[in-house]
Amino acid sequence: MAGFADRLHQAISSIGTPALVGLDPRFDQLPAEIVKRAEANSSDPLDIQAAAFEEFCKRIIDVVAPLVPAVKPQSAFFEQIGPAGVLALQRVNQHARRAGLIVICDAKRGDIGSTAEAYAEAYLAGEDPNAAPFAADALTVNPYLGRDTLMPFIQKSKERGAGIYVLVRTSNPEAGSFQDHQQDQQRLYEKVAATIEEQAAEDAAANSSEYGCVGAVVGATYPQELTELRQKMPHVPLLIPGYGAQGGGAGDVAAAFTASGFGALINSSRGINFAYLREPYKTQFPQSQWEQAIEQATLDMIEDIASQTPAGALRS
């Protein structure tokens, strides 16, 4: 069975970019044609939203599948509309897997014992998309409960060729209020990073791989910490939010990569999903061509990353 990191790097190498498209559907920003179609098929507001979210995300997947290696559906936007939304998330994940994409489900789960095992069983399909209901290759995990919250997810990842991305230094403005807490000259996020590196290095050695199945979430909005953490976690694949709409630029994430362009995925969600609502794409494309706007925004992101980071080496 191929490990997650090896499968991910094969996908990145094949497509030639580490760009990651997040799927964050917001009902009030969806194209009118999608909303009207959903309204024509149901009178229930939650069913309407779920149907619209599903169509919107599937069509984004169809646009970006030839361009990027992976997508990151945000579970919360689907969960907020109840059971219909959860089913829509499942179908979106399955659609992305059929399109050949790596699926990182952004659900930020974190618990202990049998509860953590249940979350892992539900999400982490790994190499076989039919191995778990939500069909994800990888899952974001919150480590706040301690090392034992990670172990069931790590074990399931090893069994199925899946992966996890553990929150280390997140991109939100108040991240430091907890993550910067210092004890014995070590910040909390550095303690988490050391634990993750230990687990990733062990898995990498077992699979004769450069990286392990345990990744880290490190925000583009903290470039200095990103540089330091990349050095502290040489065996850890990185997932980097904060690019684009949250203010991070491609130059801020250059330190995440090896000279050959591997080691990280750079995520953009709103900047891609709703490109047709912002300039310059709003002027270039009428709303009826919203898919073309998304395609162009994705291509622009890919070019930006290639021109300002070592990931440009993936094109050679």
Protein backbone atom coordinates (compact mmCIF):
# COMPACT_ATOMS: atom_id res chain seq x y z
CA MET A 1 0.00 0.00 0.00
CA ALA A 2 1.32 3.44 -0.94
CA GLY A 3 1.67 5.91 1.91
CA PHE A 4 -0.19 9.22 1.87
CA ALA A 5 2.90 11.39 1.40
CA ASP A 6 4.07 9.34 -1.57
CA ARG A 7 0.62 9.45 -3.19
CA LEU A 8 0.39 13.19 -2.59
CA HIS A 9 3.82 13.87 -4.05
CA GLN A 10 3.03 11.74 -7.07
CA ALA A 11 -0.09 13.84 -7.64
CA ILE A 12 1.87 17.08 -7.21
CA SER A 13 4.60 15.90 -9.55
CA SER A 14 2.13 14.76 -12.22
CA ILE A 15 0.21 18.03 -12.27
CA GLY A 16 3.24 20.30 -11.67
CA THR A 17 1.93 22.49 -8.84
CA PRO A 18 1.30 22.37 -5.07
CA ALA A 19 -1.78 24.61 -5.37
CA LEU A 20 -4.73 23.39 -3.30
CA VAL A 21 -8.31 24.57 -3.89
CA GLY A 22 -10.51 24.80 -0.82
CA LEU A 23 -14.25 24.27 -1.17
CA ASP A 24 -16.07 26.74 1.07
CA PRO A 25 -19.62 27.19 -0.33
CA ARG A 26 -21.61 30.20 0.89
CA PHE A 27 -25.24 30.29 -0.18
CA ASP A 28 -25.54 34.08 -0.52
CA GLN A 29 -22.61 34.16 -2.98
CA LEU A 30 -23.56 31.26 -5.26
CA PRO A 31 -24.30 31.84 -8.94
CA ALA A 32 -27.99 32.62 -9.50
CA GLU A 33 -28.45 29.77 -11.97
CA ILE A 34 -27.44 27.19 -9.35
CA VAL A 35 -29.77 28.64 -6.72
CA LYS A 36 -32.70 28.74 -9.13
CA ARG A 37 -32.17 25.12 -10.14
CA ALA A 38 -32.08 24.00 -6.50
CA GLU A 39 -35.22 26.00 -5.70
CA ALA A 40 -37.05 24.39 -8.61
CA ASN A 41 -36.53 20.94 -7.11
CA SER A 42 -37.48 21.54 -3.47
CA SER A 43 -39.38 23.87 -1.15
CA ASP A 44 -37.30 23.01 1.92
CA PRO A 45 -34.67 25.72 2.57
CA LEU A 46 -32.06 23.28 3.88
CA ASP A 47 -32.52 20.86 0.99
CA ILE A 48 -32.21 23.79 -1.42
CA GLN A 49 -28.91 24.89 0.13
CA ALA A 50 -27.55 21.35 0.18
CA ALA A 51 -28.39 20.76 -3.47
CA ALA A 52 -26.87 24.11 -4.44
CA PHE A 53 -23.70 23.45 -2.45
CA GLU A 54 -23.31 20.03 -4.02
CA GLU A 55 -23.71 21.26 -7.60
CA PHE A 56 -21.46 24.28 -7.03
CA CYS A 57 -18.64 22.24 -5.50
CA LYS A 58 -18.87 19.46 -8.06
CA ARG A 59 -18.63 21.97 -10.88
CA ILE A 60 -15.60 23.62 -9.25
CA ILE A 61 -14.02 20.17 -9.00
CA ASP A 62 -14.63 19.59 -12.70
CA VAL A 63 -12.92 22.91 -13.49
CA VAL A 64 -9.85 22.47 -11.28
CA ALA A 65 -9.25 18.71 -11.56
CA PRO A 66 -6.96 19.14 -14.61
CA LEU A 67 -5.07 21.96 -12.88
CA VAL A 68 -4.33 21.03 -9.24
CA PRO A 69 -3.50 17.87 -7.29
CA ALA A 70 -5.97 18.26 -4.42
CA VAL A 71 -9.07 19.92 -2.99
CA LYS A 72 -10.01 20.73 0.61
CA PRO A 73 -13.75 20.66 1.36
CA GLN A 74 -14.59 22.57 4.56
CA SER A 75 -16.97 20.38 6.52
CA ALA A 76 -18.49 23.21 8.55
CA PHE A 77 -20.22 24.84 5.59
CA PHE A 78 -21.99 21.56 4.86
CA GLU A 79 -22.73 20.63 8.48
CA GLN A 80 -24.45 23.96 9.14
CA ILE A 81 -27.38 22.88 7.00
CA GLY A 82 -27.87 19.55 8.75
CA PRO A 83 -28.20 16.00 7.42
CA ALA A 84 -28.76 17.08 3.81
CA GLY A 85 -25.55 19.08 3.95
CA VAL A 86 -23.58 16.16 5.38
CA LEU A 87 -24.79 13.94 2.55
CA ALA A 88 -23.79 16.65 0.09
CA LEU A 89 -20.29 16.70 1.60
CA GLN A 90 -20.02 12.94 1.20
CA ARG A 91 -21.03 13.15 -2.45
CA VAL A 92 -18.66 16.07 -3.11
CA ASN A 93 -15.75 14.10 -1.63
CA GLN A 94 -16.64 11.06 -3.69
CA HIS A 95 -16.91 13.17 -6.84
CA ALA A 96 -13.45 14.61 -6.22
CA ARG A 97 -11.97 11.16 -5.70
CA ARG A 98 -13.51 9.96 -8.98
CA ALA A 99 -11.91 13.00 -10.65
CA GLY A 100 -8.51 11.76 -9.48
CA LEU A 101 -7.96 14.43 -6.83
CA ILE A 102 -6.48 14.06 -3.37
CA VAL A 103 -9.23 15.02 -0.88
CA ILE A 104 -8.29 16.70 2.39
CA CYS A 105 -11.42 17.02 4.49
CA ASP A 106 -11.11 20.10 6.69
CA ALA A 107 -13.13 19.03 9.72
CA LYS A 108 -10.57 19.72 12.51
CA ARG A 109 -11.61 16.70 14.52
CA GLY A 110 -9.92 15.92 17.80
CA ASP A 111 -10.88 13.55 20.61
CA ILE A 112 -9.51 10.59 22.54
CA GLY A 113 -9.96 6.85 22.71
CA SER A 114 -12.87 5.22 20.95
CA THR A 115 -14.31 8.60 19.91
CA ALA A 116 -11.15 9.51 18.01
CA GLU A 117 -11.18 6.02 16.48
CA ALA A 118 -14.75 6.63 15.29
CA TYR A 119 -13.81 9.94 13.67
CA ALA A 120 -10.86 8.29 11.94
CA GLU A 121 -13.04 5.42 10.75
CA ALA A 122 -15.59 7.85 9.33
CA TYR A 123 -13.23 10.14 7.40
CA LEU A 124 -9.95 8.42 6.60
CA ALA A 125 -10.46 6.29 3.50
CA GLY A 126 -6.90 6.74 2.29
CA GLU A 127 -5.90 4.86 -0.84
CA ASP A 128 -9.31 3.17 -1.28
CA PRO A 129 -12.10 5.80 -1.44
CA ASN A 130 -14.64 3.14 -0.44
CA ALA A 131 -12.89 2.39 2.85
CA ALA A 132 -14.63 5.21 4.78
CA PRO A 133 -18.01 6.96 4.40
CA PHE A 134 -16.50 10.40 3.77
CA ALA A 135 -13.89 9.03 1.33
CA ALA A 136 -11.11 11.45 2.36
CA ASP A 137 -7.41 10.92 1.71
CA ALA A 138 -6.57 13.10 4.70
CA LEU A 139 -8.21 14.96 7.58
CA THR A 140 -7.33 18.04 9.61
CA VAL A 141 -6.95 17.25 13.31
CA ASN A 142 -6.93 19.44 16.43
CA PRO A 143 -4.24 18.26 18.90
CA TYR A 144 -5.43 20.27 21.91
CA LEU A 145 -6.39 17.18 23.96
CA GLY A 146 -2.81 15.88 23.80
CA ARG A 147 -0.74 13.18 22.12
CA ASP A 148 -3.39 10.51 22.65
CA THR A 149 -5.84 12.43 20.48
CA LEU A 150 -3.48 11.92 17.53
CA MET A 151 -2.69 8.23 17.84
CA PRO A 152 -5.99 6.73 16.58
CA PHE A 153 -5.82 9.00 13.52
CA ILE A 154 -2.18 8.09 12.90
CA GLN A 155 -2.89 4.38 13.25
CA LYS A 156 -5.79 4.51 10.81
CA SER A 157 -3.66 6.53 8.40
CA LYS A 158 -0.97 3.86 8.44
CA GLU A 159 -3.55 1.11 7.87
CA ARG A 160 -5.21 2.80 4.91
CA GLY A 161 -2.55 4.93 3.26
CA ALA A 162 -4.25 8.08 4.58
CA GLY A 163 -2.86 11.19 6.24
CA ILE A 164 -3.64 13.84 8.82
CA TYR A 165 -2.77 17.52 9.06
CA VAL A 166 -2.40 18.64 12.66
CA LEU A 167 -3.07 22.26 13.62
CA VAL A 168 0.27 23.77 14.62
CA ARG A 169 0.44 27.50 13.75
CA THR A 170 -2.88 28.54 12.29
CA SER A 171 -3.54 31.57 10.09
CA ASN A 172 -6.15 33.39 12.22
CA PRO A 173 -5.20 36.73 13.84
CA GLU A 174 -5.62 35.49 17.43
CA ALA A 175 -3.71 32.24 16.93
CA GLY A 176 -0.99 33.36 19.31
CA SER A 177 -3.34 33.79 22.27
CA PHE A 178 -2.99 30.05 22.95
CA GLN A 179 -0.34 28.83 20.53
CA ASP A 180 2.34 31.25 21.76
CA HIS A 181 2.00 30.17 25.40
CA GLN A 182 5.54 29.49 26.62
CA GLN A 183 6.84 27.02 29.18
CA ASP A 184 10.43 25.91 29.71
CA GLN A 185 11.49 28.20 26.85
CA GLN A 186 9.25 26.39 24.38
CA ARG A 187 6.03 27.74 22.88
CA LEU A 188 2.98 25.51 22.71
CA TYR A 189 3.01 25.35 18.90
CA GLU A 190 6.69 24.33 19.01
CA LYS A 191 5.82 21.52 21.42
CA VAL A 192 3.11 20.30 19.05
CA ALA A 193 5.56 20.57 16.13
CA ALA A 194 8.14 18.43 17.94
CA THR A 195 5.54 15.73 18.61
CA ILE A 196 4.41 15.73 14.99
CA GLU A 197 7.96 15.54 13.66
CA GLU A 198 8.65 12.54 15.88
CA GLN A 199 5.61 10.68 14.51
CA ALA A 200 6.22 11.70 10.91
CA ALA A 201 9.88 10.71 11.01
CA GLU A 202 8.97 7.28 12.38
CA ASP A 203 6.43 6.69 9.59
CA ALA A 204 8.80 8.02 6.92
CA ALA A 205 11.54 5.65 8.03
CA ALA A 206 9.16 2.69 8.05
CA ASN A 207 8.17 3.43 4.45
CA SER A 208 11.59 4.54 3.18
CA SER A 209 9.99 7.88 2.34
CA GLU A 210 11.05 11.48 2.74
CA TYR A 211 7.84 12.44 4.54
CA GLY A 212 5.45 10.71 6.92
CA CYS A 213 1.67 10.49 7.04
CA VAL A 214 1.48 13.15 9.77
CA GLY A 215 1.34 16.66 8.36
CA ALA A 216 0.99 20.11 9.89
CA VAL A 217 -1.19 23.14 9.28
CA VAL A 218 0.97 26.29 9.32
CA GLY A 219 -0.47 29.61 8.16
CA ALA A 220 0.95 31.76 5.39
CA THR A 221 0.20 34.78 7.56
CA TYR A 222 3.13 33.91 9.87
CA PRO A 223 6.10 33.59 7.46
CA GLN A 224 8.81 33.78 10.13
CA GLU A 225 7.26 30.96 12.16
CA LEU A 226 6.71 29.02 8.93
CA THR A 227 10.43 29.24 8.15
CA GLU A 228 11.37 28.06 11.63
CA LEU A 229 8.82 25.25 11.65
CA ARG A 230 9.92 23.92 8.27
CA GLN A 231 13.41 23.51 9.74
CA LYS A 232 12.06 21.84 12.89
CA MET A 233 9.80 19.44 10.93
CA PRO A 234 11.81 18.10 7.98
CA HIS A 235 9.67 14.95 7.63
CA VAL A 236 6.30 16.70 7.89
CA PRO A 237 4.20 17.65 4.84
CA LEU A 238 2.70 21.10 5.32
CA LEU A 239 -0.77 22.42 4.57
CA ILE A 240 -0.64 26.21 4.34
CA PRO A 241 -3.83 28.26 4.61
CA GLY A 242 -3.94 32.04 4.59
CA TYR A 243 -2.87 32.61 0.98
CA GLY A 244 -4.95 35.12 -0.95
CA ALA A 245 -8.11 36.29 0.81
CA GLN A 246 -6.49 36.12 4.28
CA GLY A 247 -3.54 38.24 3.19
CA GLY A 248 -0.71 35.76 2.71
CA GLY A 249 1.31 35.95 -0.51
CA ALA A 250 3.30 33.35 -2.43
CA GLY A 251 6.55 34.93 -1.29
CA ASP A 252 5.50 34.34 2.32
CA VAL A 253 5.41 30.57 1.84
CA ALA A 254 8.62 30.00 -0.14
CA ALA A 255 10.42 28.55 2.89
CA ALA A 256 7.91 25.69 3.09
CA PHE A 257 9.41 23.96 0.05
CA THR A 258 12.48 21.93 -0.69
CA ALA A 259 14.63 23.02 -3.63
CA SER A 260 12.76 20.51 -5.81
CA GLY A 261 9.41 22.11 -5.00
CA PHE A 262 7.94 19.51 -2.64
CA GLY A 263 6.92 19.62 1.00
CA ALA A 264 3.75 21.70 1.06
CA LEU A 265 0.31 22.44 -0.32
CA ILE A 266 -0.81 26.08 -0.59
CA ASN A 267 -4.55 26.58 -0.11
CA SER A 268 -6.88 29.18 -1.54
CA SER A 269 -10.62 28.88 -0.90
CA ARG A 270 -12.66 32.08 -1.19
CA GLY A 271 -10.25 33.60 -3.68
CA ILE A 272 -10.94 30.74 -6.07
CA ASN A 273 -14.55 29.78 -5.23
CA PHE A 274 -15.91 33.30 -5.67
CA ALA A 275 -13.44 34.74 -8.14
CA TYR A 276 -16.34 35.90 -10.31
CA LEU A 277 -17.38 38.34 -7.57
CA ARG A 278 -14.04 40.15 -7.29
CA GLU A 279 -11.68 42.01 -9.56
CA PRO A 280 -10.12 41.54 -11.99
CA TYR A 281 -12.30 38.54 -12.81
CA LYS A 282 -15.61 40.31 -12.17
CA THR A 283 -14.86 42.63 -15.08
CA GLN A 284 -13.34 39.96 -17.32
CA PHE A 285 -16.18 37.45 -16.96
CA PRO A 286 -19.95 37.90 -16.71
CA GLN A 287 -21.51 35.87 -13.88
CA SER A 288 -22.80 33.37 -16.44
CA GLN A 289 -19.12 32.51 -17.03
CA TRP A 290 -18.32 31.97 -13.36
CA GLU A 291 -16.53 28.70 -14.11
CA GLN A 292 -14.16 30.46 -16.49
CA ALA A 293 -13.42 33.00 -13.75
CA ILE A 294 -12.59 30.18 -11.33
CA GLU A 295 -10.36 28.55 -13.90
CA GLN A 296 -8.46 31.78 -14.54
CA ALA A 297 -8.08 32.52 -10.82
CA THR A 298 -6.67 29.01 -10.32
CA LEU A 299 -4.23 29.44 -13.19
CA ASP A 300 -3.13 32.80 -11.77
CA MET A 301 -2.53 31.23 -8.35
CA ILE A 302 -0.51 28.42 -9.91
CA GLU A 303 1.62 30.93 -11.80
CA ASP A 304 2.10 33.09 -8.70
CA ILE A 305 3.31 30.14 -6.64
CA ALA A 306 5.60 28.92 -9.41
CA SER A 307 7.20 32.33 -9.92
CA GLN A 308 7.83 33.12 -6.25
CA THR A 309 8.65 29.77 -4.63
CA PRO A 310 10.83 26.72 -5.35
CA ALA A 311 7.64 25.00 -6.56
CA GLY A 312 8.48 26.43 -9.98
CA ALA A 313 10.97 23.56 -10.25
CA LEU A 314 8.03 21.16 -10.61
CA ARG A 315 7.51 22.44 -14.14
CA SER A 316 10.93 21.32 -15.38
